N, C-alpha and C. Protein backbone atom coordinates (compact mmCIF):
# COMPACT_ATOMS: atom_id res chain seq x y z
N MET A 1 147.35 53.50 60.14
CA MET A 1 147.83 54.72 60.73
C MET A 1 146.84 55.17 61.80
N THR A 2 147.35 55.74 62.89
CA THR A 2 146.47 56.15 63.98
C THR A 2 146.19 57.64 63.88
N ASP A 3 144.99 58.02 64.37
CA ASP A 3 144.58 59.43 64.36
C ASP A 3 145.24 60.13 65.55
N PRO A 4 145.97 61.23 65.34
CA PRO A 4 146.66 61.91 66.44
C PRO A 4 145.69 62.57 67.42
N THR A 5 144.43 62.83 67.02
CA THR A 5 143.48 63.47 67.94
C THR A 5 142.84 62.47 68.89
N GLN A 6 142.94 61.19 68.61
CA GLN A 6 142.37 60.15 69.46
C GLN A 6 143.44 59.61 70.39
N PRO A 7 143.11 59.38 71.67
CA PRO A 7 144.11 58.80 72.58
C PRO A 7 144.40 57.36 72.19
N SER A 8 145.61 56.94 72.52
CA SER A 8 145.99 55.58 72.17
C SER A 8 145.30 54.55 73.05
N ASP A 9 144.97 54.91 74.29
CA ASP A 9 144.31 53.99 75.19
C ASP A 9 142.82 54.34 75.25
N PRO A 10 141.93 53.39 74.95
CA PRO A 10 140.49 53.70 74.96
C PRO A 10 139.98 54.11 76.34
N ALA A 11 140.64 53.73 77.42
CA ALA A 11 140.18 54.11 78.76
C ALA A 11 140.36 55.60 79.01
N ASP A 12 141.28 56.27 78.27
CA ASP A 12 141.52 57.70 78.44
C ASP A 12 140.58 58.55 77.60
N TRP A 13 139.73 57.92 76.81
CA TRP A 13 138.87 58.68 75.90
C TRP A 13 137.80 59.43 76.68
N GLN A 14 137.54 60.68 76.32
CA GLN A 14 136.47 61.50 76.87
C GLN A 14 135.65 62.05 75.73
N PRO A 15 134.35 62.23 75.96
CA PRO A 15 133.53 62.77 74.87
C PRO A 15 133.94 64.21 74.57
N PRO A 16 133.71 64.65 73.35
CA PRO A 16 134.07 66.02 73.00
C PRO A 16 133.21 67.01 73.78
N PRO A 17 133.71 68.19 74.08
CA PRO A 17 132.93 69.18 74.83
C PRO A 17 131.71 69.61 74.03
N GLN A 18 130.63 69.91 74.75
CA GLN A 18 129.40 70.39 74.14
C GLN A 18 129.33 71.90 74.32
N GLY A 19 128.75 72.57 73.37
CA GLY A 19 128.54 74.00 73.52
C GLY A 19 129.33 74.79 72.51
N PRO A 20 129.28 76.11 72.62
CA PRO A 20 129.97 76.98 71.65
C PRO A 20 131.48 76.89 71.82
N PRO A 21 132.23 77.36 70.83
CA PRO A 21 133.69 77.32 70.93
C PRO A 21 134.17 78.10 72.16
N GLY A 22 135.12 77.56 72.86
CA GLY A 22 135.66 78.18 74.05
C GLY A 22 134.87 77.83 75.32
N PHE A 23 133.82 77.07 75.18
CA PHE A 23 132.99 76.68 76.32
C PHE A 23 133.61 75.49 77.00
N GLN A 24 133.77 75.55 78.30
CA GLN A 24 134.25 74.42 79.07
C GLN A 24 133.21 74.11 80.13
N SER A 25 132.78 72.88 80.15
CA SER A 25 131.82 72.53 81.18
C SER A 25 132.58 72.20 82.45
N THR A 26 132.02 72.64 83.56
CA THR A 26 132.65 72.37 84.85
C THR A 26 131.77 71.42 85.62
N PRO A 27 132.35 70.51 86.34
CA PRO A 27 131.53 69.58 87.11
C PRO A 27 130.85 70.31 88.26
N ALA A 28 129.73 69.76 88.69
CA ALA A 28 129.00 70.35 89.83
C ALA A 28 129.85 70.21 91.08
N PRO A 29 129.68 71.14 92.02
CA PRO A 29 130.41 71.00 93.29
C PRO A 29 130.08 69.68 93.96
N PRO A 30 131.00 69.14 94.74
CA PRO A 30 130.80 67.81 95.34
C PRO A 30 129.53 67.71 96.17
N ASN A 31 129.15 68.77 96.92
CA ASN A 31 127.95 68.65 97.73
C ASN A 31 126.70 68.54 96.87
N LEU A 32 126.67 69.18 95.71
CA LEU A 32 125.52 69.05 94.83
C LEU A 32 125.49 67.68 94.16
N GLN A 33 126.68 67.15 93.84
CA GLN A 33 126.71 65.82 93.24
C GLN A 33 126.19 64.78 94.21
N SER A 34 126.59 64.87 95.46
CA SER A 34 126.14 63.86 96.42
C SER A 34 124.64 64.00 96.68
N GLN A 35 124.11 65.22 96.67
CA GLN A 35 122.68 65.40 96.87
C GLN A 35 121.90 64.86 95.68
N ALA A 36 122.43 65.08 94.48
CA ALA A 36 121.73 64.61 93.28
C ALA A 36 121.72 63.09 93.22
N MET A 37 122.76 62.45 93.73
CA MET A 37 122.83 61.00 93.67
C MET A 37 122.13 60.34 94.84
N SER A 38 121.77 61.12 95.85
CA SER A 38 121.12 60.57 97.04
C SER A 38 119.70 60.13 96.70
N SER A 39 119.28 59.03 97.31
CA SER A 39 117.92 58.56 97.07
C SER A 39 116.93 59.28 97.97
N GLN A 40 117.41 59.96 99.02
CA GLN A 40 116.54 60.69 99.94
C GLN A 40 116.36 62.12 99.43
N PRO A 41 115.14 62.65 99.47
CA PRO A 41 114.96 64.05 99.04
C PRO A 41 115.64 65.00 100.02
N VAL A 42 116.18 66.07 99.49
CA VAL A 42 116.85 67.06 100.31
C VAL A 42 115.80 68.06 100.78
N GLN A 43 115.72 68.27 102.08
CA GLN A 43 114.74 69.20 102.62
C GLN A 43 115.45 70.24 103.46
N ALA A 44 115.11 71.46 103.21
CA ALA A 44 115.55 72.53 104.09
C ALA A 44 114.62 72.52 105.30
N ASN A 45 114.87 73.32 106.25
CA ASN A 45 114.01 73.39 107.42
C ASN A 45 112.70 74.05 107.04
N ALA A 46 111.87 73.32 106.32
CA ALA A 46 110.61 73.86 105.83
C ALA A 46 109.48 73.50 106.78
N VAL A 47 108.59 74.46 106.96
CA VAL A 47 107.42 74.25 107.78
C VAL A 47 106.21 74.51 106.90
N MET A 48 105.29 73.58 106.88
CA MET A 48 104.07 73.74 106.09
C MET A 48 103.09 74.59 106.89
N VAL A 49 102.55 75.61 106.27
CA VAL A 49 101.55 76.45 106.92
C VAL A 49 100.28 76.45 106.07
N GLN A 50 99.17 76.56 106.74
CA GLN A 50 97.88 76.63 106.07
C GLN A 50 97.63 78.07 105.66
N ALA A 51 97.30 78.28 104.40
CA ALA A 51 97.00 79.63 103.93
C ALA A 51 95.75 80.15 104.61
N LYS A 52 95.74 81.43 104.90
CA LYS A 52 94.57 82.08 105.49
C LYS A 52 93.80 82.77 104.38
N ASN A 53 92.52 82.46 104.28
CA ASN A 53 91.68 83.08 103.26
C ASN A 53 91.19 84.43 103.80
N PRO A 54 91.61 85.55 103.17
CA PRO A 54 91.19 86.85 103.68
C PRO A 54 89.68 87.05 103.65
N GLY A 55 89.00 86.48 102.65
CA GLY A 55 87.54 86.60 102.58
C GLY A 55 86.86 85.91 103.74
N VAL A 56 87.33 84.73 104.09
CA VAL A 56 86.75 84.00 105.23
C VAL A 56 87.00 84.78 106.52
N ALA A 57 88.20 85.33 106.66
CA ALA A 57 88.51 86.10 107.86
C ALA A 57 87.59 87.31 107.98
N ALA A 58 87.35 88.00 106.86
CA ALA A 58 86.49 89.18 106.89
C ALA A 58 85.04 88.80 107.20
N VAL A 59 84.55 87.72 106.59
CA VAL A 59 83.16 87.31 106.84
C VAL A 59 82.98 86.87 108.28
N LEU A 60 83.94 86.11 108.81
CA LEU A 60 83.84 85.69 110.21
C LEU A 60 83.81 86.90 111.14
N SER A 61 84.64 87.90 110.83
CA SER A 61 84.68 89.08 111.67
C SER A 61 83.41 89.92 111.50
N ALA A 62 82.79 89.84 110.32
CA ALA A 62 81.53 90.56 110.12
C ALA A 62 80.40 89.90 110.89
N VAL A 63 80.41 88.58 110.96
CA VAL A 63 79.35 87.86 111.68
C VAL A 63 79.53 88.02 113.19
N TRP A 64 80.77 87.88 113.67
CA TRP A 64 81.04 87.99 115.10
C TRP A 64 82.37 88.70 115.25
N THR A 65 82.35 89.91 115.75
CA THR A 65 83.58 90.70 115.87
C THR A 65 84.62 89.93 116.68
N GLY A 66 85.79 89.75 116.09
CA GLY A 66 86.87 89.03 116.75
C GLY A 66 87.06 87.62 116.21
N ALA A 67 86.03 87.06 115.57
CA ALA A 67 86.15 85.69 115.05
C ALA A 67 87.16 85.61 113.90
N GLY A 68 87.25 86.65 113.10
CA GLY A 68 88.24 86.67 112.02
C GLY A 68 89.66 86.70 112.54
N GLN A 69 89.87 87.41 113.64
CA GLN A 69 91.20 87.46 114.25
C GLN A 69 91.56 86.09 114.82
N ILE A 70 90.60 85.43 115.44
CA ILE A 70 90.86 84.09 115.97
C ILE A 70 91.16 83.12 114.83
N TYR A 71 90.44 83.22 113.73
CA TYR A 71 90.71 82.39 112.54
C TYR A 71 92.15 82.61 112.06
N ASN A 72 92.63 83.85 112.14
CA ASN A 72 94.00 84.18 111.70
C ASN A 72 95.06 83.76 112.70
N GLY A 73 94.64 83.23 113.85
CA GLY A 73 95.60 82.80 114.86
C GLY A 73 95.93 83.86 115.88
N GLN A 74 95.23 84.98 115.84
CA GLN A 74 95.45 86.07 116.78
C GLN A 74 94.40 85.96 117.90
N ILE A 75 94.57 84.96 118.74
CA ILE A 75 93.57 84.64 119.76
C ILE A 75 93.37 85.81 120.72
N GLY A 76 94.45 86.35 121.25
CA GLY A 76 94.35 87.46 122.20
C GLY A 76 93.66 88.67 121.61
N LEU A 77 94.02 89.01 120.37
CA LEU A 77 93.41 90.16 119.72
C LEU A 77 91.92 89.91 119.46
N GLY A 78 91.59 88.69 119.05
CA GLY A 78 90.18 88.35 118.82
C GLY A 78 89.36 88.45 120.08
N LEU A 79 89.90 87.95 121.19
CA LEU A 79 89.18 88.05 122.46
C LEU A 79 89.06 89.50 122.92
N ALA A 80 90.09 90.29 122.66
CA ALA A 80 90.03 91.72 123.01
C ALA A 80 88.97 92.43 122.18
N PHE A 81 88.89 92.12 120.88
CA PHE A 81 87.85 92.71 120.04
C PHE A 81 86.46 92.33 120.55
N MET A 82 86.30 91.08 120.98
CA MET A 82 85.00 90.63 121.49
C MET A 82 84.65 91.37 122.78
N ALA A 83 85.63 91.55 123.67
CA ALA A 83 85.38 92.25 124.93
C ALA A 83 85.04 93.72 124.67
N ILE A 84 85.77 94.35 123.77
CA ILE A 84 85.49 95.76 123.44
C ILE A 84 84.10 95.90 122.84
N GLN A 85 83.75 94.97 121.97
CA GLN A 85 82.42 95.05 121.34
C GLN A 85 81.31 94.81 122.37
N PHE A 86 81.55 93.95 123.36
CA PHE A 86 80.57 93.73 124.42
C PHE A 86 80.36 95.03 125.21
N ILE A 87 81.45 95.70 125.51
CA ILE A 87 81.35 97.00 126.21
C ILE A 87 80.62 98.02 125.34
N ASN A 88 80.91 97.99 124.04
CA ASN A 88 80.23 98.91 123.12
C ASN A 88 78.73 98.66 123.10
N PHE A 89 78.30 97.40 123.16
CA PHE A 89 76.86 97.11 123.19
C PHE A 89 76.24 97.64 124.48
N LEU A 90 76.98 97.58 125.58
CA LEU A 90 76.47 98.16 126.82
C LEU A 90 76.37 99.69 126.71
N LEU A 91 77.28 100.28 125.93
CA LEU A 91 77.27 101.73 125.76
C LEU A 91 76.10 102.22 124.90
N ILE A 92 75.40 101.30 124.25
CA ILE A 92 74.22 101.69 123.47
C ILE A 92 73.20 102.37 124.40
N PHE A 93 73.14 101.95 125.66
CA PHE A 93 72.20 102.56 126.60
C PHE A 93 72.57 104.01 126.90
N LEU A 94 73.82 104.38 126.67
CA LEU A 94 74.25 105.77 126.85
C LEU A 94 74.31 106.51 125.51
N LEU A 95 73.82 105.87 124.47
CA LEU A 95 73.74 106.39 123.10
C LEU A 95 75.10 106.46 122.38
N ILE A 96 76.20 106.49 123.09
CA ILE A 96 77.51 106.52 122.44
C ILE A 96 77.79 105.20 121.71
N GLY A 97 77.17 104.13 122.19
CA GLY A 97 77.35 102.82 121.57
C GLY A 97 76.88 102.75 120.14
N PHE A 98 75.90 103.62 119.79
CA PHE A 98 75.43 103.64 118.40
C PHE A 98 76.53 104.10 117.45
N LEU A 99 77.50 104.79 117.98
CA LEU A 99 78.65 105.22 117.19
C LEU A 99 79.81 104.23 117.29
N THR A 100 80.07 103.72 118.48
CA THR A 100 81.25 102.87 118.68
C THR A 100 81.07 101.45 118.15
N VAL A 101 79.84 100.90 118.18
CA VAL A 101 79.62 99.53 117.69
C VAL A 101 79.95 99.41 116.21
N PRO A 102 79.39 100.26 115.31
CA PRO A 102 79.75 100.09 113.89
C PRO A 102 81.21 100.40 113.59
N ILE A 103 81.79 101.35 114.33
CA ILE A 103 83.21 101.67 114.09
C ILE A 103 84.08 100.47 114.42
N MET A 104 83.82 99.87 115.57
CA MET A 104 84.61 98.70 115.98
C MET A 104 84.35 97.51 115.05
N TRP A 105 83.14 97.37 114.59
CA TRP A 105 82.78 96.29 113.67
C TRP A 105 83.58 96.41 112.37
N ILE A 106 83.63 97.64 111.81
CA ILE A 106 84.36 97.87 110.56
C ILE A 106 85.86 97.68 110.78
N ILE A 107 86.37 98.17 111.89
CA ILE A 107 87.80 98.00 112.19
C ILE A 107 88.13 96.50 112.29
N GLY A 108 87.27 95.73 112.91
CA GLY A 108 87.50 94.29 113.03
C GLY A 108 87.53 93.59 111.68
N ILE A 109 86.62 93.97 110.79
CA ILE A 109 86.57 93.35 109.46
C ILE A 109 87.84 93.69 108.68
N VAL A 110 88.19 94.96 108.65
CA VAL A 110 89.37 95.40 107.88
C VAL A 110 90.64 94.78 108.45
N GLN A 111 90.75 94.75 109.78
CA GLN A 111 91.95 94.19 110.39
C GLN A 111 92.07 92.70 110.12
N ALA A 112 90.98 91.96 110.18
CA ALA A 112 91.02 90.51 109.92
C ALA A 112 91.44 90.25 108.47
N TYR A 113 90.88 91.02 107.54
CA TYR A 113 91.21 90.85 106.12
C TYR A 113 92.69 91.15 105.87
N SER A 114 93.16 92.30 106.36
CA SER A 114 94.55 92.68 106.11
C SER A 114 95.53 91.78 106.84
N SER A 115 95.15 91.27 108.00
CA SER A 115 96.01 90.36 108.74
C SER A 115 96.18 89.04 108.00
N ALA A 116 95.10 88.54 107.40
CA ALA A 116 95.20 87.30 106.61
C ALA A 116 96.08 87.51 105.38
N LYS A 117 95.93 88.67 104.72
CA LYS A 117 96.77 88.97 103.55
C LYS A 117 98.24 89.06 103.95
N SER A 118 98.55 89.72 105.06
CA SER A 118 99.95 89.86 105.46
C SER A 118 100.52 88.52 105.94
N PHE A 119 99.71 87.67 106.57
CA PHE A 119 100.16 86.34 106.97
C PHE A 119 100.58 85.55 105.73
N ASN A 120 99.72 85.59 104.70
CA ASN A 120 100.04 84.87 103.47
C ASN A 120 101.29 85.43 102.80
N ALA A 121 101.44 86.75 102.79
CA ALA A 121 102.62 87.36 102.17
C ALA A 121 103.89 86.99 102.93
N ARG A 122 103.84 86.95 104.26
CA ARG A 122 105.01 86.56 105.05
C ARG A 122 105.45 85.14 104.76
N HIS A 123 104.50 84.27 104.42
CA HIS A 123 104.83 82.87 104.17
C HIS A 123 104.92 82.54 102.68
N GLY A 124 104.94 83.57 101.84
CA GLY A 124 105.12 83.35 100.41
C GLY A 124 103.92 82.76 99.72
N ILE A 125 102.74 82.99 100.25
CA ILE A 125 101.50 82.47 99.67
C ILE A 125 100.82 83.62 98.95
N ILE A 126 100.46 83.40 97.70
CA ILE A 126 99.78 84.44 96.93
C ILE A 126 98.28 84.30 97.19
N SER A 127 97.68 85.39 97.66
CA SER A 127 96.23 85.35 97.92
C SER A 127 95.55 86.58 97.36
């Protein structure tokens, strides 16, 4: 006698569904199936970026005002900080430079550090 739950032709046999009662598994969409079976890795338009170390940026800017900005890829801003600091050193002869040099130095350090942190955050890098 044959079992009524089993198909008569073995080619029509399918495995029983897995999961809780009422669960139906659905096949993956065709584009995902073809990607999964492909031997080539699937790549989105990804660009590799080098993480910027905020500590290195701050130390570079502390040693030479503007160097931290250049390290962060902000060449124009780094050169501007260097030019402003050069003018500030000339202003030491007028005594105002004693105030502007440390202010610009601190601004350069803070800006280099925060710029490196924001660069990493924009690119999904935890720093």
